[in-house]
């Protein structure tokens, strides 16, 4: 029973890390989009 709980904790940690990585990617995408829209506004 105890080893099962440990596995679940590891699983949760892995999922959290994965989600964090996806959030970082989203941040980068948002920054890129902001930069692009700034550039297109400057061009107009």
C-alpha atoms as a PDB file:
ATOM      1  CA  UNK A   1       0.000   0.000   0.000  1.00  0.00           C
ATOM      2  CA  UNK A   2       2.779   2.391   0.934  1.00  0.00           C
ATOM      3  CA  UNK A   3       4.708   1.881  -2.314  1.00  0.00           C
ATOM      4  CA  UNK A   4       1.521   2.630  -4.242  1.00  0.00           C
ATOM      5  CA  UNK A   5       1.186   5.994  -2.511  1.00  0.00           C
ATOM      6  CA  UNK A   6       4.792   6.812  -3.360  1.00  0.00           C
ATOM      7  CA  UNK A   7       4.083   6.033  -6.981  1.00  0.00           C
ATOM      8  CA  UNK A   8       1.088   8.357  -6.975  1.00  0.00           C
ATOM      9  CA  UNK A   9       3.200  11.173  -5.527  1.00  0.00           C
ATOM     10  CA  UNK A  10       5.785  10.653  -8.266  1.00  0.00           C
ATOM     11  CA  UNK A  11       3.020  10.615 -10.858  1.00  0.00           C
ATOM     12  CA  UNK A  12       1.600  13.878  -9.519  1.00  0.00           C
ATOM     13  CA  UNK A  13       5.052  15.443  -9.589  1.00  0.00           C
ATOM     14  CA  UNK A  14       5.591  14.343 -13.189  1.00  0.00           C
ATOM     15  CA  UNK A  15       2.211  15.778 -14.224  1.00  0.00           C
ATOM     16  CA  UNK A  16       2.918  19.042 -12.405  1.00  0.00           C
ATOM     17  CA  UNK A  17       6.293  19.344 -14.127  1.00  0.00           C
ATOM     18  CA  UNK A  18       4.655  18.652 -17.487  1.00  0.00           C
ATOM     19  CA  UNK A  19       1.977  21.290 -16.889  1.00  0.00           C
ATOM     20  CA  UNK A  20       4.626  23.795 -15.795  1.00  0.00           C
ATOM     21  CA  UNK A  21       6.547  23.173 -19.020  1.00  0.00           C
ATOM     22  CA  UNK A  22       3.386  23.723 -21.064  1.00  0.00           C
ATOM     23  CA  UNK A  23       2.703  26.973 -19.211  1.00  0.00           C
ATOM     24  CA  UNK A  24       6.243  28.134 -19.967  1.00  0.00           C
ATOM     25  CA  UNK A  25       5.671  27.323 -23.648  1.00  0.00           C
ATOM     26  CA  UNK A  26       2.419  29.302 -23.592  1.00  0.00           C
ATOM     27  CA  UNK A  27       4.244  32.242 -22.036  1.00  0.00           C
ATOM     28  CA  UNK A  28       6.809  32.143 -24.824  1.00  0.00           C
ATOM     29  CA  UNK A  29       4.076  31.954 -27.466  1.00  0.00           C
ATOM     30  CA  UNK A  30       2.226  34.886 -25.909  1.00  0.00           C
ATOM     31  CA  UNK A  31       5.420  36.937 -25.836  1.00  0.00           C
ATOM     32  CA  UNK A  32       6.089  36.106 -29.473  1.00  0.00           C
ATOM     33  CA  UNK A  33       2.528  37.041 -30.447  1.00  0.00           C
ATOM     34  CA  UNK A  34       2.764  40.311 -28.531  1.00  0.00           C
ATOM     35  CA  UNK A  35       6.024  41.129 -30.274  1.00  0.00           C
ATOM     36  CA  UNK A  36       4.543  40.307 -33.680  1.00  0.00           C
ATOM     37  CA  UNK A  37       1.435  42.418 -33.118  1.00  0.00           C
ATOM     38  CA  UNK A  38       3.634  45.298 -31.926  1.00  0.00           C
ATOM     39  CA  UNK A  39       5.673  44.999 -35.110  1.00  0.00           C
ATOM     40  CA  UNK A  40       2.595  44.887 -37.340  1.00  0.00           C
ATOM     41  CA  UNK A  41       1.160  47.963 -35.584  1.00  0.00           C
ATOM     42  CA  UNK A  42       4.476  49.755 -36.088  1.00  0.00           C
ATOM     43  CA  UNK A  43       4.439  48.815 -39.779  1.00  0.00           C
ATOM     44  CA  UNK A  44       0.954  50.228 -40.219  1.00  0.00           C
END
